[in-house]
């Protein structure tokens, strides 16, 4: 106990002689701890934001894509993964606008399932939901509708099938493909894709 008291007295005596150095030393420690906490906080927020934005961009936690159907082995692996699943078939084609008697190069996205799981497909009307997967109606890019001067209730023909336009596509959940820059999107239910006869061998 006496040794500890001696240490305390010595420290107090030395601190009175070197007050300036003590303040500088303590300030350096405080600033260092503050900087470390700030860096860790920034790193945590950055990682969290990247995770959230990447999910919204992909629309899911995991995306498997390719230019052909999954083989049996890959399909078995995909089916074994837990969680909700959805599928999307995307292709480029010419769409026919009967009202204008004109054609337009479009990007057809045939969806099956509650996709996207993160982010939203913003439409007008906003309560359109998953109706386009249950009925032969389409969600058409707002820019295309403005360009062709067509409205909800008009029709658009994809291949051999005609769809009624049920909603305007105001904004997608995210897209990084090259086609998103020059081909307006048209969403349809995947079960109606065969009726368009656009997917052919070769």
Protein backbone atom coordinates (compact mmCIF):
# COMPACT_ATOMS: atom_id res chain seq x y z
CA UNK A 1 0.00 0.00 0.00
CA UNK A 2 2.86 2.36 0.87
CA UNK A 3 4.51 1.68 -2.51
CA UNK A 4 1.29 2.61 -4.30
CA UNK A 5 0.98 5.87 -2.33
CA UNK A 6 4.60 6.68 -3.17
CA UNK A 7 3.87 6.16 -6.87
CA UNK A 8 0.83 8.44 -6.67
CA UNK A 9 2.76 11.18 -4.88
CA UNK A 10 5.62 10.95 -7.38
CA UNK A 11 3.23 11.15 -10.29
CA UNK A 12 1.50 14.22 -8.85
CA UNK A 13 4.82 15.92 -8.19
CA UNK A 14 6.07 15.21 -11.74
CA UNK A 15 2.77 16.33 -13.26
CA UNK A 16 3.05 19.74 -11.61
CA UNK A 17 6.49 20.19 -13.15
CA UNK A 18 5.45 19.01 -16.66
CA UNK A 19 1.83 20.13 -16.93
CA UNK A 20 2.18 21.12 -20.60
CA UNK A 21 3.60 17.75 -21.61
CA UNK A 22 0.93 15.91 -19.63
CA UNK A 23 -1.87 17.84 -21.34
CA UNK A 24 -0.34 17.20 -24.75
CA UNK A 25 0.07 13.50 -23.98
CA UNK A 26 -3.52 13.14 -22.74
CA UNK A 27 -4.84 15.12 -25.72
CA UNK A 28 -3.00 12.79 -28.10
CA UNK A 29 -4.58 9.75 -26.46
CA UNK A 30 -8.07 11.29 -26.58
CA UNK A 31 -7.71 12.33 -30.24
CA UNK A 32 -6.36 8.90 -31.17
CA UNK A 33 -9.26 7.07 -29.52
CA UNK A 34 -11.75 9.49 -31.12
CA UNK A 35 -10.24 8.93 -34.58
CA UNK A 36 -10.29 5.14 -34.10
CA UNK A 37 -13.95 5.18 -33.05
CA UNK A 38 -14.85 7.44 -36.01
CA UNK A 39 -13.04 5.17 -38.50
CA UNK A 40 -14.70 2.04 -37.12
CA UNK A 41 -18.10 3.74 -37.22
CA UNK A 42 -17.54 4.88 -40.83
CA UNK A 43 -16.42 1.38 -41.82
CA UNK A 44 -19.49 -0.21 -40.21
CA UNK A 45 -21.88 2.24 -41.91
CA UNK A 46 -20.15 1.80 -45.27
CA UNK A 47 -20.34 -2.01 -45.15
CA UNK A 48 -23.99 -1.85 -44.07
CA UNK A 49 -24.91 0.58 -46.89
CA UNK A 50 -23.06 -1.52 -49.48
CA UNK A 51 -24.95 -4.63 -48.32
CA UNK A 52 -28.29 -2.84 -48.52
CA UNK A 53 -27.60 -1.25 -51.91
CA UNK A 54 -26.28 -4.47 -53.43
CA UNK A 55 -29.43 -6.32 -52.35
CA UNK A 56 -31.61 -3.62 -53.86
CA UNK A 57 -29.56 -3.70 -57.08
CA UNK A 58 -29.76 -7.47 -57.46
CA UNK A 59 -33.24 -7.75 -56.02
CA UNK A 60 -32.17 -10.83 -54.06
CA UNK A 61 -29.43 -12.26 -51.83
CA UNK A 62 -28.21 -14.59 -54.58
CA UNK A 63 -28.66 -14.46 -58.35
CA UNK A 64 -27.79 -17.29 -60.73
CA UNK A 65 -27.86 -16.31 -64.37
CA UNK A 66 -26.73 -17.60 -67.73
CA UNK A 67 -27.61 -17.71 -71.40
CA UNK A 68 -29.20 -21.16 -71.22
CA UNK A 69 -31.41 -23.16 -68.86
CA UNK A 70 -29.82 -24.75 -65.79
CA UNK A 71 -28.84 -28.38 -66.21
CA UNK A 72 -30.25 -31.01 -63.88
CA UNK A 73 -27.31 -30.92 -61.48
CA UNK A 74 -27.33 -27.12 -61.09
CA UNK A 75 -31.13 -27.09 -60.77
CA UNK A 76 -30.93 -29.66 -57.95
CA UNK A 77 -28.36 -27.50 -56.14
CA UNK A 78 -30.45 -24.36 -56.64
CA UNK A 79 -33.61 -26.09 -55.41
CA UNK A 80 -31.79 -27.27 -52.28
CA UNK A 81 -31.00 -23.71 -51.19
CA UNK A 82 -33.31 -22.41 -48.42
CA UNK A 83 -35.47 -19.30 -48.80
CA UNK A 84 -37.86 -17.89 -51.36
CA UNK A 85 -37.08 -18.36 -55.03
CA UNK A 86 -38.12 -16.74 -58.28
CA UNK A 87 -37.07 -16.97 -61.91
CA UNK A 88 -36.70 -14.40 -64.66
CA UNK A 89 -36.33 -14.96 -68.38
CA UNK A 90 -35.03 -11.93 -70.25
CA UNK A 91 -34.88 -11.49 -74.00
CA UNK A 92 -34.76 -8.72 -76.55
CA UNK A 93 -37.39 -8.53 -79.26
CA UNK A 94 -39.45 -6.21 -81.40
CA UNK A 95 -42.82 -5.22 -79.96
CA UNK A 96 -45.71 -4.15 -82.15
CA UNK A 97 -47.90 -1.20 -81.10
CA UNK A 98 -51.28 -1.76 -82.81
CA UNK A 99 -52.61 1.73 -81.98
CA UNK A 100 -49.67 3.40 -83.72
CA UNK A 101 -48.98 0.65 -86.27
CA UNK A 102 -45.31 0.86 -85.27
CA UNK A 103 -42.66 -1.44 -83.84
CA UNK A 104 -40.26 -0.86 -80.95
CA UNK A 105 -37.17 -2.72 -79.79
CA UNK A 106 -37.84 -3.81 -76.19
CA UNK A 107 -36.40 -5.86 -73.37
CA UNK A 108 -38.93 -8.46 -72.26
CA UNK A 109 -38.69 -9.61 -68.65
CA UNK A 110 -40.82 -12.66 -67.93
CA UNK A 111 -41.10 -13.12 -64.15
CA UNK A 112 -42.28 -16.07 -62.10
CA UNK A 113 -42.38 -15.54 -58.33
CA UNK A 114 -42.39 -12.66 -55.87
CA UNK A 115 -39.42 -10.88 -57.42
CA UNK A 116 -37.67 -8.60 -56.53
CA UNK A 117 -37.27 -9.58 -52.88
CA UNK A 118 -35.46 -6.29 -52.17
CA UNK A 119 -36.35 -2.98 -53.78
CA UNK A 120 -39.50 -2.32 -55.73
CA UNK A 121 -40.83 -2.19 -59.25
CA UNK A 122 -42.52 1.21 -59.13
CA UNK A 123 -45.63 1.32 -61.27
CA UNK A 124 -48.60 3.54 -61.97
CA UNK A 125 -51.08 2.59 -60.61
CA UNK A 126 -49.01 1.83 -57.52
CA UNK A 127 -51.16 -1.09 -56.30
CA UNK A 128 -50.54 -3.16 -59.43
CA UNK A 129 -48.66 -5.78 -57.41
CA UNK A 130 -48.25 -9.20 -59.02
CA UNK A 131 -51.34 -8.96 -61.24
CA UNK A 132 -49.27 -9.13 -64.41
CA UNK A 133 -48.18 -12.66 -63.44
CA UNK A 134 -51.76 -13.87 -63.06
CA UNK A 135 -53.32 -12.21 -66.11
CA UNK A 136 -52.14 -11.65 -69.69
CA UNK A 137 -51.37 -8.01 -69.06
CA UNK A 138 -48.06 -6.17 -69.24
CA UNK A 139 -46.17 -3.46 -67.37
CA UNK A 140 -44.65 -1.17 -70.00
CA UNK A 141 -41.83 1.34 -69.58
CA UNK A 142 -43.15 4.87 -69.06
CA UNK A 143 -40.71 6.31 -71.60
CA UNK A 144 -41.96 3.94 -74.30
CA UNK A 145 -45.58 4.84 -73.56
CA UNK A 146 -44.81 8.55 -73.78
CA UNK A 147 -42.85 8.12 -77.00
CA UNK A 148 -45.57 6.05 -78.68
CA UNK A 149 -48.40 8.10 -77.12
CA UNK A 150 -50.14 5.04 -75.70
CA UNK A 151 -51.96 4.66 -72.40
CA UNK A 152 -53.03 2.08 -69.85
CA UNK A 153 -55.69 -0.09 -71.46
CA UNK A 154 -54.06 -0.01 -74.91
CA UNK A 155 -52.37 -3.14 -76.22
CA UNK A 156 -48.86 -4.25 -77.10
CA UNK A 157 -48.02 -7.33 -79.15
CA UNK A 158 -45.03 -9.46 -78.25
CA UNK A 159 -44.40 -12.14 -80.83
CA UNK A 160 -47.70 -13.93 -81.46
CA UNK A 161 -49.48 -12.74 -78.29
CA UNK A 162 -51.16 -9.45 -77.55
CA UNK A 163 -51.09 -8.06 -74.01
CA UNK A 164 -53.22 -5.32 -72.51
CA UNK A 165 -51.07 -2.62 -70.87
CA UNK A 166 -52.01 -2.74 -67.20
CA UNK A 167 -49.53 -0.27 -65.72
CA UNK A 168 -46.69 2.14 -66.45
CA UNK A 169 -43.22 1.16 -65.31
CA UNK A 170 -41.92 4.25 -63.49
CA UNK A 171 -38.73 2.81 -62.01
CA UNK A 172 -37.09 -0.58 -61.68
CA UNK A 173 -35.38 -1.92 -58.57
CA UNK A 174 -32.01 -1.79 -60.37
CA UNK A 175 -30.36 -2.81 -63.57
CA UNK A 176 -26.75 -2.99 -64.64
CA UNK A 177 -27.14 -4.66 -68.02
CA UNK A 178 -26.13 -2.91 -71.22
CA UNK A 179 -29.65 -3.37 -72.60
CA UNK A 180 -31.16 -1.18 -69.90
CA UNK A 181 -29.67 1.89 -71.59
CA UNK A 182 -31.35 1.53 -74.98
CA UNK A 183 -34.22 -0.97 -74.73
CA UNK A 184 -37.29 -0.09 -72.63
CA UNK A 185 -38.50 -2.88 -70.38
CA UNK A 186 -41.78 -4.77 -70.66
CA UNK A 187 -42.76 -7.05 -67.75
CA UNK A 188 -45.02 -10.06 -68.33
CA UNK A 189 -45.86 -13.23 -66.43
CA UNK A 190 -43.47 -16.05 -67.30
CA UNK A 191 -46.30 -18.50 -67.90
CA UNK A 192 -47.39 -16.43 -70.91
CA UNK A 193 -43.96 -16.41 -72.57
CA UNK A 194 -44.55 -19.64 -74.51
CA UNK A 195 -47.67 -18.10 -76.09
CA UNK A 196 -45.53 -15.36 -77.65
CA UNK A 197 -43.52 -18.05 -79.49
CA UNK A 198 -40.45 -15.85 -79.19
CA UNK A 199 -38.30 -18.57 -77.63
CA UNK A 200 -37.34 -20.92 -80.44
CA UNK A 201 -34.60 -23.53 -80.90
CA UNK A 202 -31.43 -21.95 -82.26
